[in-house]
Amino acid sequence: MAYSPVELRHISFKRGPLGYRRGPVDRTIDEVVESFELVWKERADYADRIEQLQADLRRHRELETLLRSTLTTAEQSAHALKDQARREAALVLEEAHAEARKITQAALAERERLGAETTRIKALLGAALDAVDDADGESRAAAA
């Protein structure tokens, strides 16, 4: 039987002619010893459990620190990658604009060249038509 401190304070023994009766005192002492051993065993078990829980807590705190630093590193990497992607996108866009301007300028130059060529061809055709008209007019005058 396990005794609490209050129960131990209220134990009373009957007295015999030479003091307390030996049998009940010995039994009570044995029960107190068993109770005390049980308490010490539980105390040792709790101490071991506390030590284990403290080790687990240290391990979890170390894991938390590692996870926090990993998360911070991942966030920094993500920001760096986003910034790099923005810079690359801006560069690609700038190159595309430059290429578009180059193509536009080349198209305008080609249009001007084709316009000049058209004007030259029209002049040649006009001259050829005038020559045909003159030749036709001369052949009609010679036939008349």
Protein backbone atom coordinates (compact mmCIF):
# COMPACT_ATOMS: atom_id res chain seq x y z
CA MET A 1 0.00 0.00 0.00
CA ALA A 2 1.34 3.46 -0.91
CA TYR A 3 1.19 6.08 1.79
CA SER A 4 0.82 9.78 1.31
CA PRO A 5 2.61 12.17 3.67
CA VAL A 6 -0.74 13.04 5.33
CA GLU A 7 -1.49 9.37 5.96
CA LEU A 8 1.97 8.84 7.49
CA ARG A 9 1.39 11.72 9.89
CA HIS A 10 -1.85 10.14 11.09
CA ILE A 11 -0.63 6.60 11.69
CA SER A 12 -0.90 5.63 15.30
CA PHE A 13 0.27 2.47 16.98
CA LYS A 14 -1.07 0.79 20.07
CA ARG A 15 1.26 0.61 22.99
CA GLY A 16 2.18 -2.50 24.76
CA PRO A 17 3.85 -2.99 28.18
CA LEU A 18 7.33 -2.23 26.80
CA GLY A 19 6.40 0.36 24.14
CA TYR A 20 4.82 -0.01 20.74
CA ARG A 21 3.79 -3.46 19.49
CA ARG A 22 6.46 -4.75 17.21
CA GLY A 23 4.30 -6.53 14.54
CA PRO A 24 2.17 -3.58 13.41
CA VAL A 25 5.20 -1.25 13.49
CA ASP A 26 7.30 -3.63 11.35
CA ARG A 27 4.44 -4.06 8.84
CA THR A 28 3.93 -0.31 8.64
CA ILE A 29 7.66 0.27 8.17
CA ASP A 30 7.70 -2.36 5.38
CA GLU A 31 4.73 -0.66 3.71
CA VAL A 32 6.42 2.74 4.05
CA VAL A 33 9.62 1.31 2.54
CA GLU A 34 7.65 -0.17 -0.40
CA SER A 35 5.82 3.13 -0.85
CA PHE A 36 9.09 5.04 -0.67
CA GLU A 37 10.73 2.68 -3.20
CA LEU A 38 7.76 3.13 -5.54
CA VAL A 39 8.01 6.91 -5.26
CA TRP A 40 11.78 6.80 -5.91
CA LYS A 41 11.26 4.52 -8.92
CA GLU A 42 8.57 6.84 -10.32
CA ARG A 43 10.84 9.82 -9.63
CA ALA A 44 13.68 8.14 -11.56
CA ASP A 45 11.29 7.29 -14.41
CA TYR A 46 10.09 10.89 -14.51
CA ALA A 47 13.67 12.16 -14.45
CA ASP A 48 14.51 9.88 -17.42
CA ARG A 49 11.38 11.03 -19.23
CA ILE A 50 12.24 14.68 -18.57
CA GLU A 51 15.75 14.11 -19.88
CA GLN A 52 14.35 12.44 -23.00
CA LEU A 53 11.84 15.25 -23.54
CA GLN A 54 14.56 17.86 -23.10
CA ALA A 55 16.71 16.06 -25.70
CA ASP A 56 13.71 15.92 -28.04
CA LEU A 57 13.09 19.61 -27.43
CA ARG A 58 16.73 20.45 -28.24
CA ARG A 59 16.53 18.35 -31.40
CA HIS A 60 13.26 20.02 -32.44
CA ARG A 61 14.71 23.47 -31.78
CA GLU A 62 17.76 22.62 -33.89
CA LEU A 63 15.45 21.35 -36.63
CA GLU A 64 13.39 24.52 -36.38
CA THR A 65 16.53 26.64 -36.70
CA LEU A 66 17.64 24.61 -39.70
CA LEU A 67 14.20 24.90 -41.30
CA ARG A 68 14.12 28.64 -40.68
CA SER A 69 17.53 29.14 -42.26
CA THR A 70 16.57 26.88 -45.18
CA LEU A 71 13.36 28.85 -45.68
CA THR A 72 15.25 32.14 -45.54
CA THR A 73 17.77 30.86 -48.07
CA ALA A 74 14.98 29.61 -50.33
CA GLU A 75 13.20 32.97 -50.12
CA GLN A 76 16.43 34.81 -50.95
CA SER A 77 17.06 32.47 -53.87
CA ALA A 78 13.51 32.97 -55.13
CA HIS A 79 13.90 36.75 -54.97
CA ALA A 80 17.26 36.55 -56.75
CA LEU A 81 15.80 34.32 -59.46
CA LYS A 82 12.82 36.67 -59.93
CA ASP A 83 15.15 39.66 -60.22
CA GLN A 84 17.35 37.83 -62.69
CA ALA A 85 14.30 36.76 -64.71
CA ARG A 86 13.04 40.37 -64.77
CA ARG A 87 16.44 41.59 -65.98
CA GLU A 88 16.57 38.90 -68.66
CA ALA A 89 13.00 39.69 -69.75
CA ALA A 90 13.84 43.39 -70.00
CA LEU A 91 16.94 42.56 -72.05
CA VAL A 92 14.98 40.28 -74.38
CA LEU A 93 12.30 42.95 -74.76
CA GLU A 94 14.92 45.60 -75.50
CA GLU A 95 16.54 43.33 -78.11
CA ALA A 96 13.12 42.64 -79.65
CA HIS A 97 12.40 46.38 -79.88
CA ALA A 98 15.80 46.98 -81.48
CA GLU A 99 15.17 44.17 -83.98
CA ALA A 100 11.68 45.56 -84.71
CA ARG A 101 13.17 49.02 -85.37
CA LYS A 102 15.79 47.48 -87.63
CA ILE A 103 13.15 45.53 -89.58
CA THR A 104 10.95 48.64 -89.82
CA GLN A 105 13.86 50.72 -91.13
CA ALA A 106 14.74 48.00 -93.63
CA ALA A 107 11.09 47.84 -94.78
CA LEU A 108 10.95 51.64 -95.18
CA ALA A 109 14.18 51.63 -97.17
CA GLU A 110 12.82 48.81 -99.34
CA ARG A 111 9.59 50.77 -99.85
CA GLU A 112 11.54 53.84 -100.92
CA ARG A 113 13.66 51.72 -103.26
CA LEU A 114 10.56 50.08 -104.73
CA GLY A 115 8.87 53.49 -105.08
CA ALA A 116 11.90 54.84 -106.96
CA GLU A 117 12.00 51.70 -109.10
CA THR A 118 8.28 52.09 -109.84
CA THR A 119 8.81 55.70 -110.83
CA ARG A 120 11.71 54.70 -113.11
CA ILE A 121 9.66 51.89 -114.68
CA LYS A 122 6.72 54.28 -115.23
CA ALA A 123 9.07 56.74 -116.90
CA LEU A 124 10.49 53.98 -119.10
CA LEU A 125 7.00 52.74 -119.96
CA GLY A 126 5.89 56.30 -120.68
CA ALA A 127 8.90 56.79 -122.95
CA ALA A 128 8.26 53.43 -124.62
CA LEU A 129 4.59 54.33 -125.16
CA ASP A 130 5.58 57.72 -126.56
CA ALA A 131 8.02 55.97 -128.90
CA VAL A 132 5.29 53.52 -129.97
CA ASP A 133 2.86 56.40 -130.47
CA ASP A 134 5.44 58.33 -132.51
CA ALA A 135 6.23 55.23 -134.56
CA ASP A 136 2.53 54.55 -135.06
CA GLY A 137 1.95 58.16 -136.05
CA GLU A 138 4.80 58.03 -138.57
CA SER A 139 3.55 54.76 -140.05
CA ARG A 140 0.04 56.25 -140.47
CA ALA A 141 1.49 59.38 -142.02
CA ALA A 142 3.58 57.29 -144.39
CA ALA A 143 0.59 55.14 -145.26
CA ALA A 144 -1.58 58.10 -145.92
